[in-house]
Amino acid sequence: MWQVRYDDPLHQMHSPTMWEHLPHDVAQHLETAFKDGSPGVFAATHQQQIYYDFTDMTSNFNAKALKIRRSVPQTTTRRVQFERDHAEWADYDAFASNTILDARDAGFTVIGLHIDPYSYVICFNSNTQTNLDTGRVRQIRTPTTYTTTDDTDDTDDLDDTDDLDAEAPHEYKCPITHALLRRPTLIADGHTYERSAIQQWLRSHDTSPLTGQRLTHLHLTDNIMAKQLVRTYIQHARNTTAPM
């Protein structure tokens, strides 16, 4: 779950990758502190109290800073991306993505990250990755770093329509909630969803709920035409069922 890197020749003879797993009890202690959002934690290793710093992912062992990293197995399909040249985006691997997303969810503002042969600092306030070896700064984006064309809500006249959900045409319903669309929102897959439902989906996915394909972007757009159609349908349904 947690690993340390020894760069000295003696350790390299026994571990060609130079990364070794920390003892289970130490790793568990680090994981608990990490999930709690602590910037670092002391743990007993080799009969010493060693400080493990999550903000740059290092430990101080015998007055020497050693790199540490978190190697939690992939538990999500979410992938963090970093911007490459020519405005292209590339995925972090599953381990790095898990570390970044879990650190963000734990409330970190910065987190260290080691991806051989480089070391980085991830800043969540600016959504950037800084290469500590070259100084280069790149943008990063997470599944919840979506943008929207409009964040207003004028759906008061679409409230209290639960009684119409069952009989409403399929095209007026959200594919996730299967209820009438109250705030139709268009995403990159070309389909329209209830805004709150698709926002919830994008907190843990970067794929389409209908096709399963990776979304090319996470931009949310109010579907004005769909909102007008739903409003017209509701008014017609109300007039049809109104008492004489």
Protein backbone atom coordinates (compact mmCIF):
# COMPACT_ATOMS: atom_id res chain seq x y z
CA MET A 1 0.00 0.00 0.00
CA TRP A 2 2.90 2.40 0.80
CA GLN A 3 6.42 2.15 -0.56
CA VAL A 4 9.77 3.79 0.07
CA ARG A 5 12.60 4.26 -2.40
CA TYR A 6 16.19 3.54 -1.39
CA ASP A 7 18.75 4.88 -3.83
CA ASP A 8 21.86 3.42 -2.21
CA PRO A 9 23.76 0.59 -3.99
CA LEU A 10 23.14 -1.94 -1.21
CA HIS A 11 19.37 -1.76 -1.56
CA GLN A 12 19.60 -1.69 -5.35
CA MET A 13 21.33 -5.09 -5.26
CA HIS A 14 18.31 -6.64 -3.50
CA SER A 15 15.57 -4.58 -5.12
CA PRO A 16 16.22 -3.62 -8.77
CA THR A 17 13.13 -1.37 -8.83
CA MET A 18 14.44 0.49 -5.73
CA TRP A 19 10.88 0.69 -4.36
CA GLU A 20 10.17 -1.45 -1.30
CA HIS A 21 6.92 -1.95 0.61
CA LEU A 22 6.80 -0.46 4.08
CA PRO A 23 5.81 -2.82 6.92
CA HIS A 24 2.09 -3.45 7.03
CA ASP A 25 1.50 -1.69 10.37
CA VAL A 26 3.43 1.38 9.21
CA ALA A 27 1.55 1.44 5.90
CA GLN A 28 -1.78 1.22 7.71
CA HIS A 29 -0.76 4.09 9.98
CA LEU A 30 0.21 6.22 6.97
CA GLU A 31 -3.00 5.38 5.11
CA THR A 32 -5.18 6.39 8.06
CA ALA A 33 -3.37 9.71 8.43
CA PHE A 34 -3.51 10.31 4.68
CA LYS A 35 -7.27 9.67 4.51
CA ASP A 36 -7.72 12.05 7.47
CA GLY A 37 -6.01 14.82 5.52
CA SER A 38 -2.97 15.10 7.80
CA PRO A 39 0.04 16.76 6.10
CA GLY A 40 2.27 14.10 7.60
CA VAL A 41 2.66 11.59 10.42
CA PHE A 42 5.31 10.00 12.64
CA ALA A 43 5.62 6.22 12.48
CA ALA A 44 8.05 3.75 14.03
CA THR A 45 10.29 2.24 11.33
CA HIS A 46 13.56 0.38 11.93
CA GLN A 47 13.14 1.19 15.66
CA GLN A 48 13.09 4.90 14.86
CA GLN A 49 10.33 7.48 14.88
CA ILE A 50 10.34 8.68 11.28
CA TYR A 51 8.29 11.56 9.93
CA TYR A 52 6.45 10.88 6.68
CA ASP A 53 5.55 14.08 4.82
CA PHE A 54 2.63 13.80 2.37
CA THR A 55 3.05 17.29 0.94
CA ASP A 56 6.23 16.25 -0.86
CA MET A 57 5.98 12.46 -0.28
CA THR A 58 9.28 12.06 1.56
CA SER A 59 10.44 10.48 4.81
CA ASN A 60 13.42 11.51 6.91
CA PHE A 61 15.52 8.40 7.51
CA ASN A 62 18.99 8.77 9.05
CA ALA A 63 18.98 12.48 8.17
CA LYS A 64 18.28 11.63 4.54
CA ALA A 65 15.08 12.42 2.67
CA LEU A 66 13.70 9.30 1.00
CA LYS A 67 10.88 9.28 -1.50
CA ILE A 68 7.65 7.53 -0.54
CA ARG A 69 4.63 6.73 -2.61
CA ARG A 70 1.15 5.31 -2.21
CA SER A 71 0.40 2.22 -4.28
CA VAL A 72 -3.29 1.61 -3.67
CA PRO A 73 -4.86 -0.76 -6.25
CA GLN A 74 -7.30 0.76 -8.70
CA THR A 75 -10.74 1.07 -7.12
CA THR A 76 -12.34 3.47 -9.57
CA THR A 77 -12.61 4.15 -13.29
CA ARG A 78 -11.85 7.81 -12.65
CA ARG A 79 -8.64 9.07 -14.19
CA VAL A 80 -6.91 12.38 -13.62
CA GLN A 81 -5.37 13.95 -16.70
CA PHE A 82 -2.51 16.37 -17.30
CA GLU A 83 -2.11 18.74 -20.21
CA ARG A 84 0.57 17.88 -22.71
CA ASP A 85 1.88 19.96 -25.60
CA HIS A 86 -0.49 21.23 -28.29
CA ALA A 87 -3.44 21.30 -25.84
CA GLU A 88 -3.60 17.51 -25.69
CA TRP A 89 -4.47 15.64 -22.50
CA ALA A 90 -2.97 12.41 -21.17
CA ASP A 91 -4.04 10.10 -18.34
CA TYR A 92 -2.12 9.51 -15.14
CA ASP A 93 -1.85 5.83 -14.32
CA ALA A 94 -4.37 4.29 -11.90
CA PHE A 95 -2.08 4.58 -8.86
CA ALA A 96 -1.35 8.28 -9.41
CA SER A 97 -5.01 9.02 -10.18
CA ASN A 98 -6.14 7.31 -6.98
CA THR A 99 -3.59 9.22 -4.91
CA ILE A 100 -4.56 12.60 -6.42
CA LEU A 101 -8.32 12.03 -6.10
CA ASP A 102 -8.12 10.64 -2.57
CA ALA A 103 -5.89 13.54 -1.51
CA ARG A 104 -8.36 16.03 -2.97
CA ASP A 105 -11.27 14.31 -1.21
CA ALA A 106 -9.32 14.34 2.08
CA GLY A 107 -8.93 18.12 1.85
CA PHE A 108 -5.27 18.48 0.84
CA THR A 109 -4.27 21.69 -0.92
CA VAL A 110 -0.96 20.24 -2.17
CA ILE A 111 0.35 16.70 -2.46
CA GLY A 112 3.65 15.18 -3.55
CA LEU A 113 3.79 12.62 -6.33
CA HIS A 114 6.65 10.48 -7.66
CA ILE A 115 6.41 9.00 -11.14
CA ASP A 116 9.83 7.67 -12.09
CA PRO A 117 12.07 9.34 -12.90
CA TYR A 118 10.41 12.64 -11.89
CA SER A 119 8.89 14.15 -8.77
CA TYR A 120 5.91 16.50 -8.78
CA VAL A 121 3.80 18.69 -6.56
CA ILE A 122 0.08 18.71 -7.28
CA CYS A 123 -1.71 21.93 -6.29
CA PHE A 124 -5.49 21.64 -6.03
CA ASN A 125 -6.18 25.37 -5.73
CA SER A 126 -4.73 26.00 -9.19
CA ASN A 127 -5.22 22.49 -10.63
CA THR A 128 -1.57 22.30 -11.62
CA GLN A 129 1.29 19.83 -11.64
CA THR A 130 4.80 21.19 -11.04
CA ASN A 131 7.80 19.09 -12.04
CA LEU A 132 10.31 19.56 -9.23
CA ASP A 133 13.20 18.51 -11.48
CA THR A 134 12.48 20.79 -14.44
CA GLY A 135 10.23 23.44 -12.89
CA ARG A 136 7.66 22.98 -15.63
CA VAL A 137 4.04 23.62 -14.67
CA ARG A 138 1.16 21.90 -16.42
CA GLN A 139 -2.60 22.00 -15.91
CA ILE A 140 -4.40 18.95 -14.56
CA ARG A 141 -8.07 18.07 -14.59
CA THR A 142 -10.13 15.66 -12.55
CA PRO A 143 -13.55 14.09 -13.27
CA THR A 144 -15.25 16.86 -11.30
CA THR A 145 -13.39 19.71 -13.01
CA TYR A 146 -16.30 20.34 -15.36
CA THR A 147 -17.44 23.68 -16.73
CA THR A 148 -20.94 24.95 -17.39
CA THR A 149 -22.55 27.49 -19.67
CA ASP A 150 -25.18 28.53 -17.14
CA ASP A 151 -25.51 27.93 -13.44
CA THR A 152 -28.87 29.61 -12.88
CA ASP A 153 -32.01 27.72 -12.04
CA ASP A 154 -35.38 28.83 -13.40
CA THR A 155 -37.24 25.55 -12.99
CA ASP A 156 -39.91 26.66 -10.48
CA ASP A 157 -42.64 25.93 -13.01
CA LEU A 158 -41.25 22.39 -13.49
CA ASP A 159 -41.49 21.46 -9.81
CA ASP A 160 -44.17 19.19 -8.36
CA THR A 161 -44.39 17.03 -11.46
CA ASP A 162 -43.81 13.67 -9.80
CA ASP A 163 -47.32 12.56 -10.76
CA LEU A 164 -46.42 12.97 -14.44
CA ASP A 165 -43.20 10.92 -14.39
CA ALA A 166 -44.79 7.54 -15.10
CA GLU A 167 -46.71 8.61 -18.21
CA ALA A 168 -44.15 11.03 -19.64
CA PRO A 169 -42.58 10.14 -23.01
CA HIS A 170 -39.17 8.50 -22.82
CA GLU A 171 -37.45 11.41 -24.56
CA TYR A 172 -38.56 13.80 -21.81
CA LYS A 173 -37.01 11.71 -19.04
CA CYS A 174 -33.50 11.63 -17.63
CA PRO A 175 -31.73 8.35 -18.51
CA ILE A 176 -30.32 8.23 -14.96
CA THR A 177 -33.31 9.15 -12.78
CA HIS A 178 -36.04 8.02 -15.23
CA ALA A 179 -38.02 11.06 -14.11
CA LEU A 180 -39.13 14.12 -16.08
CA LEU A 181 -36.29 16.45 -16.91
CA ARG A 182 -36.48 19.58 -14.80
CA ARG A 183 -33.10 21.02 -15.72
CA PRO A 184 -32.04 19.29 -18.95
CA THR A 185 -28.28 19.29 -19.35
CA LEU A 186 -26.36 18.24 -22.46
CA ILE A 187 -22.92 16.62 -22.20
CA ALA A 188 -20.24 15.47 -24.65
CA ASP A 189 -21.94 12.16 -25.50
CA GLY A 190 -24.80 14.08 -27.15
CA HIS A 191 -27.38 12.95 -24.58
CA THR A 192 -29.39 15.03 -22.14
CA TYR A 193 -29.59 14.38 -18.40
CA GLU A 194 -30.98 15.97 -15.26
CA ARG A 195 -28.26 18.38 -14.13
CA SER A 196 -28.00 17.16 -10.53
CA ALA A 197 -27.90 13.53 -11.70
CA ILE A 198 -25.12 14.03 -14.26
CA GLN A 199 -23.11 16.15 -11.81
CA GLN A 200 -23.31 13.30 -9.31
CA TRP A 201 -22.24 10.83 -12.01
CA LEU A 202 -19.23 12.94 -12.99
CA ARG A 203 -17.96 12.98 -9.42
CA SER A 204 -16.88 9.37 -9.88
CA HIS A 205 -16.76 8.81 -13.66
CA ASP A 206 -15.35 10.41 -16.78
CA THR A 207 -17.44 8.24 -19.10
CA SER A 208 -20.93 8.45 -20.59
CA PRO A 209 -23.67 6.86 -18.43
CA LEU A 210 -25.31 5.53 -21.61
CA THR A 211 -22.44 4.44 -23.85
CA GLY A 212 -19.64 3.83 -21.35
CA GLN A 213 -17.25 5.69 -23.65
CA ARG A 214 -14.70 8.20 -22.33
CA LEU A 215 -16.05 11.75 -22.58
CA THR A 216 -13.98 14.08 -24.75
CA HIS A 217 -14.69 16.95 -22.37
CA LEU A 218 -16.66 17.64 -19.19
CA HIS A 219 -18.54 20.73 -20.31
CA LEU A 220 -22.17 20.98 -19.17
CA THR A 221 -24.66 22.86 -21.36
CA ASP A 222 -28.24 23.74 -20.51
CA ASN A 223 -30.48 22.17 -23.16
CA ILE A 224 -32.89 25.06 -23.69
CA MET A 225 -34.85 23.28 -26.41
CA ALA A 226 -35.45 20.24 -24.20
CA LYS A 227 -36.55 22.49 -21.33
CA GLN A 228 -39.10 24.19 -23.57
CA LEU A 229 -40.43 20.85 -24.81
CA VAL A 230 -40.79 19.51 -21.27
CA ARG A 231 -42.50 22.71 -20.12
CA THR A 232 -44.97 22.48 -23.03
CA TYR A 233 -45.66 18.81 -22.25
CA ILE A 234 -46.33 19.57 -18.57
CA GLN A 235 -48.70 22.44 -19.40
CA HIS A 236 -50.59 20.23 -21.87
CA ALA A 237 -50.77 17.35 -19.38
CA ARG A 238 -52.06 19.67 -16.66
CA ASN A 239 -54.73 21.14 -18.95
CA THR A 240 -55.81 17.68 -20.07
CA THR A 241 -56.28 16.39 -16.53
CA ALA A 242 -57.72 19.61 -15.04
CA PRO A 243 -61.27 19.21 -13.61
CA MET A 244 -64.10 20.55 -15.76
